[in-house]
Amino acid sequence: MNDHQATQISDRTRDIMRRFNDAFQRHDPAALADLVAEDCVIENTQPAPDGSRHVGRAACLAVWQGLASAEGTGFDLEEVFVAGERAIIRWRYRWGEDEASSVRGVNLMRVEAGLIVEAMGYIKGP
């Protein structure tokens, strides 16, 4: 792969991550439908110690669309880093007004052929 091809792949992944994050920022769960592959897998943050695993497009959309539509909640993006088909999203999830009503975390994402195929979520906390 040459530098131009690598840049194109990163640019495509960056666009997918922008659209993914925008869906949560705008509370627009329908916007997620065009971003998720049929064989997508989510490893969620809860329950400890390994989180729950959601396999397939329908299962992944159910998780993410539920989060995106949750009233009174929101994600503050701290950083998005993209390298090829992989991305790291650092965020703070809020469900109230104060810092005690939030948690910081990170998602490790993987994209193939312009669709999200893997998301592994981790949070800071006990």
N, C-alpha and C. Protein backbone atom coordinates (compact mmCIF):
# COMPACT_ATOMS: atom_id res chain seq x y z
N MET A 1 0.85 -1.17 0.00
CA MET A 1 0.00 0.00 0.00
C MET A 1 0.90 1.24 0.00
N ASN A 2 0.59 2.18 -0.87
CA ASN A 2 1.38 3.41 -0.91
C ASN A 2 0.79 4.46 0.04
N ASP A 3 1.52 5.56 0.19
CA ASP A 3 1.09 6.62 1.12
C ASP A 3 -0.27 7.20 0.76
N HIS A 4 -0.52 7.35 -0.54
CA HIS A 4 -1.81 7.91 -0.98
C HIS A 4 -2.96 7.00 -0.57
N GLN A 5 -2.79 5.69 -0.77
CA GLN A 5 -3.84 4.73 -0.39
C GLN A 5 -4.05 4.72 1.12
N ALA A 6 -2.96 4.78 1.87
CA ALA A 6 -3.07 4.80 3.34
C ALA A 6 -3.82 6.04 3.81
N THR A 7 -3.54 7.17 3.18
CA THR A 7 -4.23 8.42 3.52
C THR A 7 -5.72 8.32 3.20
N GLN A 8 -6.05 7.72 2.06
CA GLN A 8 -7.45 7.56 1.69
C GLN A 8 -8.20 6.69 2.70
N ILE A 9 -7.57 5.62 3.15
CA ILE A 9 -8.21 4.73 4.13
C ILE A 9 -8.43 5.48 5.44
N SER A 10 -7.41 6.21 5.90
CA SER A 10 -7.56 6.98 7.14
C SER A 10 -8.64 8.04 7.00
N ASP A 11 -8.69 8.71 5.84
CA ASP A 11 -9.71 9.73 5.62
C ASP A 11 -11.11 9.13 5.66
N ARG A 12 -11.27 7.95 5.07
CA ARG A 12 -12.59 7.29 5.09
C ARG A 12 -12.97 6.91 6.53
N THR A 13 -12.01 6.37 7.27
CA THR A 13 -12.27 6.01 8.67
C THR A 13 -12.61 7.25 9.49
N ARG A 14 -11.87 8.33 9.27
CA ARG A 14 -12.13 9.60 9.98
C ARG A 14 -13.55 10.08 9.71
N ASP A 15 -14.01 9.98 8.47
CA ASP A 15 -15.37 10.40 8.12
C ASP A 15 -16.41 9.51 8.81
N ILE A 16 -16.16 8.21 8.84
CA ILE A 16 -17.09 7.30 9.53
C ILE A 16 -17.16 7.64 11.01
N MET A 17 -16.02 7.92 11.64
CA MET A 17 -16.00 8.28 13.07
C MET A 17 -16.70 9.61 13.31
N ARG A 18 -16.53 10.56 12.41
CA ARG A 18 -17.23 11.86 12.54
C ARG A 18 -18.73 11.64 12.50
N ARG A 19 -19.19 10.86 11.54
CA ARG A 19 -20.63 10.59 11.42
C ARG A 19 -21.15 9.79 12.62
N PHE A 20 -20.36 8.84 13.09
CA PHE A 20 -20.72 8.05 14.27
C PHE A 20 -20.88 8.96 15.48
N ASN A 21 -19.89 9.78 15.75
CA ASN A 21 -19.95 10.68 16.91
C ASN A 21 -21.06 11.72 16.76
N ASP A 22 -21.27 12.22 15.55
CA ASP A 22 -22.34 13.19 15.32
C ASP A 22 -23.71 12.61 15.68
N ALA A 23 -23.91 11.33 15.41
CA ALA A 23 -25.20 10.70 15.73
C ALA A 23 -25.49 10.80 17.23
N PHE A 24 -24.47 10.65 18.05
CA PHE A 24 -24.64 10.76 19.51
C PHE A 24 -24.77 12.22 19.93
N GLN A 25 -24.00 13.09 19.32
CA GLN A 25 -24.06 14.51 19.67
C GLN A 25 -25.43 15.11 19.35
N ARG A 26 -26.03 14.68 18.24
CA ARG A 26 -27.33 15.20 17.81
C ARG A 26 -28.51 14.38 18.33
N HIS A 27 -28.21 13.30 19.07
CA HIS A 27 -29.26 12.37 19.52
C HIS A 27 -30.09 11.91 18.31
N ASP A 28 -29.37 11.41 17.29
CA ASP A 28 -29.99 10.99 16.03
C ASP A 28 -29.69 9.51 15.78
N PRO A 29 -30.41 8.61 16.45
CA PRO A 29 -30.10 7.18 16.32
C PRO A 29 -30.23 6.64 14.89
N ALA A 30 -31.11 7.22 14.09
CA ALA A 30 -31.29 6.74 12.71
C ALA A 30 -30.02 6.92 11.88
N ALA A 31 -29.19 7.89 12.23
CA ALA A 31 -27.96 8.16 11.47
C ALA A 31 -26.94 7.02 11.60
N LEU A 32 -27.12 6.16 12.57
CA LEU A 32 -26.16 5.07 12.78
C LEU A 32 -26.36 3.91 11.79
N ALA A 33 -27.53 3.79 11.22
CA ALA A 33 -27.87 2.64 10.38
C ALA A 33 -26.93 2.46 9.20
N ASP A 34 -26.45 3.54 8.61
CA ASP A 34 -25.57 3.46 7.44
C ASP A 34 -24.11 3.21 7.79
N LEU A 35 -23.80 3.05 9.07
CA LEU A 35 -22.40 2.98 9.49
C LEU A 35 -21.97 1.61 10.01
N VAL A 36 -22.91 0.69 10.18
CA VAL A 36 -22.63 -0.56 10.90
C VAL A 36 -22.68 -1.75 9.95
N ALA A 37 -21.63 -2.57 9.99
CA ALA A 37 -21.53 -3.76 9.15
C ALA A 37 -22.41 -4.89 9.69
N GLU A 38 -22.77 -5.82 8.82
CA GLU A 38 -23.58 -6.98 9.21
C GLU A 38 -22.88 -7.82 10.27
N ASP A 39 -21.55 -7.89 10.22
CA ASP A 39 -20.80 -8.72 11.15
C ASP A 39 -20.17 -7.92 12.29
N CYS A 40 -20.73 -6.78 12.59
CA CYS A 40 -20.21 -5.91 13.65
C CYS A 40 -20.25 -6.62 15.01
N VAL A 41 -19.25 -6.32 15.84
CA VAL A 41 -19.18 -6.84 17.20
C VAL A 41 -18.86 -5.69 18.15
N ILE A 42 -19.64 -5.58 19.21
CA ILE A 42 -19.36 -4.61 20.29
C ILE A 42 -19.01 -5.41 21.54
N GLU A 43 -17.92 -5.02 22.17
CA GLU A 43 -17.64 -5.47 23.54
C GLU A 43 -17.86 -4.25 24.41
N ASN A 44 -18.95 -4.26 25.16
CA ASN A 44 -19.40 -3.11 25.93
C ASN A 44 -18.64 -2.99 27.24
N THR A 45 -18.83 -1.88 27.93
CA THR A 45 -18.09 -1.58 29.15
C THR A 45 -18.60 -2.33 30.38
N GLN A 46 -19.84 -2.75 30.38
CA GLN A 46 -20.45 -3.37 31.55
C GLN A 46 -21.04 -4.71 31.15
N PRO A 47 -21.22 -5.64 32.04
CA PRO A 47 -20.79 -5.66 33.44
C PRO A 47 -19.34 -6.10 33.57
N ALA A 48 -18.76 -5.78 34.71
CA ALA A 48 -17.39 -6.20 34.99
C ALA A 48 -17.36 -7.73 35.09
N PRO A 49 -16.30 -8.38 34.79
CA PRO A 49 -15.01 -7.80 34.44
C PRO A 49 -14.80 -7.61 32.94
N ASP A 50 -15.59 -8.27 32.10
CA ASP A 50 -15.31 -8.26 30.66
C ASP A 50 -16.32 -7.52 29.81
N GLY A 51 -17.41 -7.04 30.39
CA GLY A 51 -18.43 -6.37 29.61
C GLY A 51 -19.29 -7.36 28.85
N SER A 52 -20.32 -6.85 28.22
CA SER A 52 -21.21 -7.70 27.42
C SER A 52 -20.79 -7.64 25.96
N ARG A 53 -21.08 -8.71 25.25
CA ARG A 53 -20.71 -8.83 23.84
C ARG A 53 -21.98 -8.83 23.00
N HIS A 54 -22.00 -8.00 21.98
CA HIS A 54 -23.15 -7.88 21.08
C HIS A 54 -22.66 -8.18 19.67
N VAL A 55 -23.27 -9.16 19.03
CA VAL A 55 -22.80 -9.65 17.74
C VAL A 55 -23.88 -9.44 16.69
N GLY A 56 -23.48 -8.87 15.56
CA GLY A 56 -24.37 -8.66 14.44
C GLY A 56 -24.88 -7.23 14.37
N ARG A 57 -25.26 -6.84 13.17
CA ARG A 57 -25.70 -5.47 12.92
C ARG A 57 -26.88 -5.07 13.80
N ALA A 58 -27.90 -5.92 13.87
CA ALA A 58 -29.10 -5.59 14.64
C ALA A 58 -28.77 -5.40 16.12
N ALA A 59 -27.95 -6.28 16.67
CA ALA A 59 -27.60 -6.18 18.10
C ALA A 59 -26.78 -4.92 18.37
N CYS A 60 -25.84 -4.61 17.48
CA CYS A 60 -25.01 -3.42 17.67
C CYS A 60 -25.83 -2.15 17.52
N LEU A 61 -26.71 -2.12 16.53
CA LEU A 61 -27.57 -0.95 16.37
C LEU A 61 -28.47 -0.76 17.58
N ALA A 62 -28.98 -1.83 18.14
CA ALA A 62 -29.84 -1.71 19.32
C ALA A 62 -29.10 -1.04 20.47
N VAL A 63 -27.85 -1.43 20.70
CA VAL A 63 -27.05 -0.82 21.77
C VAL A 63 -26.82 0.66 21.48
N TRP A 64 -26.29 0.96 20.30
CA TRP A 64 -25.92 2.34 19.99
C TRP A 64 -27.13 3.24 19.82
N GLN A 65 -28.19 2.75 19.21
CA GLN A 65 -29.37 3.59 19.04
C GLN A 65 -30.03 3.88 20.39
N GLY A 66 -29.96 2.93 21.30
CA GLY A 66 -30.46 3.18 22.65
C GLY A 66 -29.69 4.29 23.34
N LEU A 67 -28.37 4.28 23.22
CA LEU A 67 -27.54 5.34 23.80
C LEU A 67 -27.80 6.69 23.12
N ALA A 68 -27.88 6.67 21.80
CA ALA A 68 -28.04 7.92 21.05
C ALA A 68 -29.38 8.58 21.32
N SER A 69 -30.38 7.80 21.69
CA SER A 69 -31.72 8.36 21.90
C SER A 69 -32.02 8.66 23.37
N ALA A 70 -31.09 8.33 24.26
CA ALA A 70 -31.33 8.51 25.70
C ALA A 70 -31.37 9.99 26.07
N GLU A 71 -32.53 10.45 26.53
CA GLU A 71 -32.69 11.85 26.92
C GLU A 71 -31.93 12.14 28.20
N GLY A 72 -31.42 13.36 28.31
CA GLY A 72 -30.71 13.79 29.50
C GLY A 72 -29.30 13.25 29.62
N THR A 73 -28.79 12.66 28.54
CA THR A 73 -27.43 12.13 28.54
C THR A 73 -26.65 12.75 27.39
N GLY A 74 -25.35 12.57 27.40
CA GLY A 74 -24.56 13.06 26.28
C GLY A 74 -23.11 12.66 26.40
N PHE A 75 -22.45 12.67 25.25
CA PHE A 75 -21.02 12.39 25.18
C PHE A 75 -20.27 13.68 24.91
N ASP A 76 -19.25 13.94 25.71
CA ASP A 76 -18.30 15.02 25.42
C ASP A 76 -17.08 14.35 24.80
N LEU A 77 -16.78 14.70 23.56
CA LEU A 77 -15.61 14.12 22.90
C LEU A 77 -14.35 14.79 23.42
N GLU A 78 -13.37 13.99 23.80
CA GLU A 78 -12.08 14.51 24.25
C GLU A 78 -11.04 14.42 23.14
N GLU A 79 -11.07 13.33 22.37
CA GLU A 79 -10.09 13.15 21.30
C GLU A 79 -10.55 12.02 20.39
N VAL A 80 -10.28 12.17 19.10
CA VAL A 80 -10.48 11.09 18.14
C VAL A 80 -9.17 10.94 17.38
N PHE A 81 -8.61 9.75 17.41
CA PHE A 81 -7.35 9.46 16.73
C PHE A 81 -7.62 8.37 15.70
N VAL A 82 -7.18 8.58 14.46
CA VAL A 82 -7.41 7.62 13.38
C VAL A 82 -6.08 7.20 12.78
N ALA A 83 -5.94 5.91 12.54
CA ALA A 83 -4.78 5.35 11.84
C ALA A 83 -5.28 4.21 10.97
N GLY A 84 -5.36 4.46 9.68
CA GLY A 84 -5.86 3.44 8.76
C GLY A 84 -7.31 3.12 9.04
N GLU A 85 -7.59 1.83 9.26
CA GLU A 85 -8.96 1.39 9.53
C GLU A 85 -9.28 1.33 11.02
N ARG A 86 -8.41 1.88 11.83
CA ARG A 86 -8.62 1.85 13.29
C ARG A 86 -8.77 3.27 13.82
N ALA A 87 -9.54 3.37 14.90
CA ALA A 87 -9.74 4.68 15.53
C ALA A 87 -9.84 4.49 17.04
N ILE A 88 -9.45 5.53 17.74
CA ILE A 88 -9.59 5.60 19.19
C ILE A 88 -10.42 6.83 19.49
N ILE A 89 -11.48 6.65 20.25
CA ILE A 89 -12.34 7.77 20.65
C ILE A 89 -12.29 7.88 22.17
N ARG A 90 -11.77 9.01 22.67
CA ARG A 90 -11.81 9.28 24.12
C ARG A 90 -13.00 10.18 24.39
N TRP A 91 -13.76 9.89 25.44
CA TRP A 91 -15.01 10.61 25.69
C TRP A 91 -15.32 10.66 27.18
N ARG A 92 -16.28 11.52 27.50
CA ARG A 92 -16.92 11.54 28.83
C ARG A 92 -18.42 11.41 28.58
N TYR A 93 -19.03 10.42 29.23
CA TYR A 93 -20.47 10.21 29.12
C TYR A 93 -21.13 10.85 30.33
N ARG A 94 -22.11 11.71 30.08
CA ARG A 94 -22.80 12.43 31.17
C ARG A 94 -24.27 12.01 31.23
N TRP A 95 -24.75 11.84 32.46
CA TRP A 95 -26.18 11.57 32.68
C TRP A 95 -26.75 12.53 33.71
N GLY A 96 -25.98 13.54 34.07
CA GLY A 96 -26.43 14.57 35.01
C GLY A 96 -25.57 15.81 34.85
N GLU A 97 -25.77 16.77 35.74
CA GLU A 97 -25.11 18.07 35.62
C GLU A 97 -23.70 18.14 36.20
N ASP A 98 -23.41 17.30 37.20
CA ASP A 98 -22.11 17.42 37.86
C ASP A 98 -21.15 16.31 37.42
N GLU A 99 -19.87 16.45 37.80
CA GLU A 99 -18.85 15.48 37.43
C GLU A 99 -19.15 14.09 37.99
N ALA A 100 -19.82 14.02 39.14
CA ALA A 100 -20.15 12.73 39.74
C ALA A 100 -21.16 11.96 38.89
N SER A 101 -21.84 12.66 38.01
CA SER A 101 -22.82 12.04 37.12
C SER A 101 -22.23 11.85 35.73
N SER A 102 -20.99 11.38 35.71
CA SER A 102 -20.33 11.14 34.43
C SER A 102 -19.24 10.09 34.61
N VAL A 103 -18.79 9.57 33.49
CA VAL A 103 -17.69 8.62 33.47
C VAL A 103 -16.87 8.86 32.21
N ARG A 104 -15.55 8.73 32.34
CA ARG A 104 -14.68 8.87 31.18
C ARG A 104 -14.38 7.48 30.62
N GLY A 105 -14.20 7.44 29.30
CA GLY A 105 -13.91 6.16 28.68
C GLY A 105 -13.27 6.31 27.32
N VAL A 106 -13.07 5.16 26.70
CA VAL A 106 -12.45 5.11 25.38
C VAL A 106 -13.08 3.96 24.60
N ASN A 107 -13.25 4.18 23.31
CA ASN A 107 -13.67 3.13 22.40
C ASN A 107 -12.55 2.87 21.42
N LEU A 108 -12.23 1.59 21.23
CA LEU A 108 -11.30 1.17 20.19
C LEU A 108 -12.15 0.65 19.04
N MET A 109 -12.05 1.31 17.90
CA MET A 109 -12.94 1.04 16.77
C MET A 109 -12.16 0.47 15.59
N ARG A 110 -12.84 -0.36 14.80
CA ARG A 110 -12.24 -0.85 13.55
C ARG A 110 -13.29 -0.78 12.45
N VAL A 111 -12.83 -0.31 11.29
CA VAL A 111 -13.69 -0.11 10.13
C VAL A 111 -13.15 -0.97 8.98
N GLU A 112 -14.05 -1.59 8.24
CA GLU A 112 -13.69 -2.30 7.02
C GLU A 112 -14.68 -1.92 5.94
N ALA A 113 -14.17 -1.61 4.76
CA ALA A 113 -15.02 -1.28 3.61
C ALA A 113 -16.03 -0.18 3.94
N GLY A 114 -15.62 0.77 4.77
CA GLY A 114 -16.46 1.92 5.08
C GLY A 114 -17.54 1.68 6.12
N LEU A 115 -17.47 0.54 6.83
CA LEU A 115 -18.46 0.23 7.86
C LEU A 115 -17.76 -0.19 9.15
N ILE A 116 -18.39 0.10 10.28
CA ILE A 116 -17.84 -0.29 11.58
C ILE A 116 -18.04 -1.79 11.77
N VAL A 117 -16.93 -2.49 12.05
CA VAL A 117 -16.99 -3.94 12.26
C VAL A 117 -16.67 -4.33 13.70
N GLU A 118 -16.04 -3.42 14.45
CA GLU A 118 -15.66 -3.76 15.82
C GLU A 118 -15.59 -2.51 16.67
N ALA A 119 -16.09 -2.63 17.90
CA ALA A 119 -16.00 -1.55 18.88
C ALA A 119 -15.81 -2.17 20.25
N MET A 120 -14.73 -1.79 20.90
CA MET A 120 -14.46 -2.28 22.25
C MET A 120 -14.42 -1.08 23.18
N GLY A 121 -15.31 -1.07 24.17
CA GLY A 121 -15.44 0.07 25.08
C GLY A 121 -14.82 -0.21 26.44
N TYR A 122 -14.16 0.81 26.97
CA TYR A 122 -13.52 0.73 28.29
C TYR A 122 -13.82 2.01 29.05
N ILE A 123 -14.01 1.90 30.37
CA ILE A 123 -14.26 3.08 31.19
C ILE A 123 -13.30 3.14 32.37
N LYS A 124 -13.13 4.37 32.88
CA LYS A 124 -12.39 4.56 34.12
C LYS A 124 -13.36 4.36 35.27
N GLY A 125 -12.94 3.66 36.26
CA GLY A 125 -13.81 3.49 37.41
C GLY A 125 -13.59 2.15 38.09
N PRO A 126 -14.26 1.99 39.21
CA PRO A 126 -14.09 0.75 39.97
C PRO A 126 -14.69 -0.45 39.25
